[in-house]
Amino acid sequence: MITKAHSYGRSRGDSLRMKELILGMGNPILSDDGVGLVVAKSLEGRVPGADVALSAMIGLDLLDVIDGYDRIYVIDAMCTRGGVPGDVKKISEKGVVGTLHLFSSHGLHFFELMKLGESCGLKMPEVRMVYGIEIGDNVCFSSSISTCLQQRIASIRETILSDIASLDKSLHDHS
């Protein structure tokens, strides 16, 4: 499942503005594994000029989703030993392994996909930040996330919004 990006706040003639994508990843039928999708959807319209896309896929299918963007923010579920459900962790290519979709044991992980896209001549976006949302071990068949995570969605969203604003501010301060 890939839900195409929705455009917010960008006019047709606004070609000078950097194109940003917020990519929520997760499985919508595996309970808390879908938290990246829920949080990304909650960010629709809250980051001026940014598009939001939701994906349950990893691999080559994502190249079509991220093509044409200058910068992306990725949100995914993660499981780490001793993690507290709802905690937000920032992840880099060399950082924490534990997100459920970015680091696939069945094929390309997200950062390998980015390198593959570049080697194929695609203009890959800058990965501004990857947010891993701790889910503990609550992965069961359900189309909704646990009550524990539902109660934390607003605070997770605000944490990510604050961080994106901070990253954007530092980007503009260095321009």
Protein backbone atom coordinates (compact mmCIF):
# COMPACT_ATOMS: atom_id res chain seq x y z
CA MET A 1 0.00 0.00 0.00
CA ILE A 2 1.33 3.38 -0.99
CA THR A 3 -0.80 6.45 -0.56
CA LYS A 4 0.33 9.20 -2.88
CA ALA A 5 1.53 12.45 -1.42
CA HIS A 6 -0.86 15.28 -0.76
CA SER A 7 0.30 18.83 -1.40
CA TYR A 8 -0.29 21.50 1.20
CA GLY A 9 0.49 25.19 0.87
CA ARG A 10 2.45 25.09 -2.38
CA SER A 11 1.22 26.97 -5.40
CA ARG A 12 1.80 25.89 -8.99
CA GLY A 13 4.40 28.57 -9.62
CA ASP A 14 6.38 27.93 -6.46
CA SER A 15 9.23 26.10 -8.16
CA LEU A 16 11.97 27.86 -6.16
CA ARG A 17 10.84 26.38 -2.85
CA MET A 18 12.49 23.16 -1.72
CA LYS A 19 10.08 20.25 -2.09
CA GLU A 20 9.72 18.36 1.18
CA LEU A 21 8.09 15.02 1.90
CA ILE A 22 7.02 13.50 5.19
CA LEU A 23 6.99 9.73 4.63
CA GLY A 24 5.09 7.61 7.13
CA MET A 25 5.91 3.91 7.03
CA GLY A 26 4.24 0.93 8.64
CA ASN A 27 1.84 -1.93 8.26
CA PRO A 28 -1.78 -0.83 8.73
CA ILE A 29 -2.94 -4.28 9.87
CA LEU A 30 -0.22 -4.99 12.44
CA SER A 31 -1.41 -2.78 15.28
CA ASP A 32 1.39 -0.56 16.62
CA ASP A 33 3.57 -1.26 13.59
CA GLY A 34 1.30 1.25 11.82
CA VAL A 35 2.19 4.14 14.15
CA GLY A 36 4.40 5.77 11.49
CA LEU A 37 1.36 5.94 9.20
CA VAL A 38 -0.86 7.40 11.94
CA VAL A 39 1.65 10.06 12.97
CA ALA A 40 2.46 11.08 9.39
CA LYS A 41 -1.25 11.42 8.61
CA SER A 42 -1.64 13.61 11.71
CA LEU A 43 1.04 15.93 10.26
CA GLU A 44 -0.94 16.63 7.06
CA GLY A 45 -1.21 20.38 6.60
CA ARG A 46 0.94 21.17 9.66
CA VAL A 47 4.30 21.59 7.93
CA PRO A 48 3.93 24.43 5.40
CA GLY A 49 4.71 23.31 1.87
CA ALA A 50 5.40 19.68 2.81
CA ASP A 51 3.66 16.73 1.22
CA VAL A 52 2.71 13.63 3.19
CA ALA A 53 2.89 10.07 1.84
CA LEU A 54 2.06 6.80 3.59
CA SER A 55 3.68 3.51 2.67
CA ALA A 56 3.58 -0.09 3.84
CA MET A 57 6.32 -0.95 1.36
CA ILE A 58 10.10 -0.90 1.46
CA GLY A 59 12.26 -1.36 -1.55
CA LEU A 60 12.19 -0.16 -5.12
CA ASP A 61 8.53 0.94 -4.92
CA LEU A 62 9.62 3.79 -2.66
CA LEU A 63 11.76 5.31 -5.41
CA ASP A 64 8.59 6.44 -7.19
CA VAL A 65 7.26 7.97 -3.96
CA ILE A 66 10.37 10.00 -3.11
CA ASP A 67 11.30 10.97 -6.67
CA GLY A 68 11.19 14.72 -7.22
CA TYR A 69 11.65 15.73 -3.59
CA ASP A 70 14.58 17.75 -2.28
CA ARG A 71 14.25 16.71 1.36
CA ILE A 72 12.40 14.00 3.24
CA TYR A 73 11.51 13.19 6.83
CA VAL A 74 10.72 9.53 7.56
CA ILE A 75 8.56 8.21 10.41
CA ASP A 76 8.56 4.50 11.28
CA ALA A 77 7.88 2.17 14.20
CA MET A 78 10.82 0.72 16.07
CA CYS A 79 11.51 -1.91 18.73
CA THR A 80 14.51 -1.63 21.00
CA ARG A 81 15.33 -3.47 24.18
CA GLY A 82 13.91 -1.53 27.11
CA GLY A 83 12.25 1.08 24.90
CA VAL A 84 9.18 2.93 26.19
CA PRO A 85 6.22 2.88 23.78
CA GLY A 86 5.71 6.33 22.29
CA ASP A 87 9.27 7.56 22.73
CA VAL A 88 10.64 9.25 19.61
CA LYS A 89 14.22 8.54 18.60
CA LYS A 90 16.21 10.22 15.85
CA ILE A 91 17.99 7.77 13.59
CA SER A 92 20.84 8.21 11.16
CA GLU A 93 22.25 5.84 8.59
CA LYS A 94 24.85 4.72 11.10
CA GLY A 95 22.50 5.04 14.05
CA VAL A 96 20.04 2.83 15.81
CA VAL A 97 18.97 -0.31 14.02
CA GLY A 98 15.53 -1.33 15.14
CA THR A 99 13.01 0.38 12.92
CA LEU A 100 10.67 -2.15 11.43
CA HIS A 101 10.81 -1.01 7.80
CA LEU A 102 13.95 1.02 7.25
CA PHE A 103 16.32 -1.83 7.98
CA SER A 104 14.91 -4.84 6.16
CA SER A 105 16.36 -8.29 6.67
CA HIS A 106 14.62 -9.35 3.45
CA GLY A 107 16.27 -7.00 0.98
CA LEU A 108 17.36 -3.40 0.61
CA HIS A 109 17.14 -1.23 3.65
CA PHE A 110 16.15 2.42 3.26
CA PHE A 111 19.66 3.89 3.13
CA GLU A 112 20.81 1.27 0.59
CA LEU A 113 17.77 2.21 -1.50
CA MET A 114 18.87 5.85 -1.44
CA LYS A 115 22.35 4.89 -2.65
CA LEU A 116 20.89 2.65 -5.35
CA GLY A 117 18.71 5.50 -6.60
CA GLU A 118 21.75 7.76 -6.80
CA SER A 119 23.78 5.14 -8.66
CA CYS A 120 20.92 4.83 -11.16
CA GLY A 121 21.16 8.54 -11.87
CA LEU A 122 18.12 9.62 -9.85
CA LYS A 123 18.27 12.83 -7.86
CA MET A 124 17.63 11.46 -4.40
CA PRO A 125 16.34 13.75 -1.67
CA GLU A 126 18.34 14.69 1.40
CA VAL A 127 17.15 12.63 4.36
CA ARG A 128 16.68 15.42 6.90
CA MET A 129 15.67 13.09 9.72
CA VAL A 130 14.35 9.63 10.43
CA TYR A 131 12.07 9.35 13.45
CA GLY A 132 11.70 5.96 15.09
CA ILE A 133 8.69 5.63 17.35
CA GLU A 134 9.14 3.00 20.02
CA ILE A 135 6.31 0.45 20.09
CA GLY A 136 7.63 -2.17 22.47
CA ASP A 137 6.64 -5.63 21.32
CA ASN A 138 2.96 -4.98 20.58
CA VAL A 139 2.73 -6.24 17.01
CA CYS A 140 -0.45 -8.21 16.51
CA PHE A 141 -3.13 -8.30 13.84
CA SER A 142 -5.29 -5.21 14.27
CA SER A 143 -6.15 -2.23 12.11
CA SER A 144 -5.73 0.19 15.01
CA ILE A 145 -2.80 1.05 17.24
CA SER A 146 -2.83 0.32 20.98
CA THR A 147 -4.52 2.66 23.44
CA CYS A 148 -1.11 3.45 24.93
CA LEU A 149 0.16 4.82 21.60
CA GLN A 150 -3.16 6.46 20.67
CA GLN A 151 -2.86 8.52 23.85
CA ARG A 152 0.64 9.66 22.87
CA ILE A 153 -0.02 10.62 19.20
CA ALA A 154 -0.46 14.34 19.96
CA SER A 155 2.79 14.54 21.94
CA ILE A 156 4.66 12.49 19.30
CA ARG A 157 3.34 14.84 16.59
CA GLU A 158 4.39 17.92 18.59
CA THR A 159 7.87 16.48 19.21
CA ILE A 160 8.35 15.87 15.49
CA LEU A 161 6.87 19.25 14.49
CA SER A 162 9.21 21.01 16.91
CA ASP A 163 12.21 19.12 15.56
CA ILE A 164 11.30 19.84 11.92
CA ALA A 165 10.93 23.55 12.76
CA SER A 166 14.33 23.48 14.47
CA LEU A 167 15.96 21.72 11.51
CA ASP A 168 14.37 24.18 9.08
CA LYS A 169 15.54 27.12 11.19
CA SER A 170 19.11 25.82 11.28
CA LEU A 171 18.97 25.26 7.52
CA HIS A 172 17.88 28.86 6.92
CA ASP A 173 20.46 30.21 9.41
CA HIS A 174 23.23 28.55 7.37
CA SER A 175 21.97 29.75 3.97
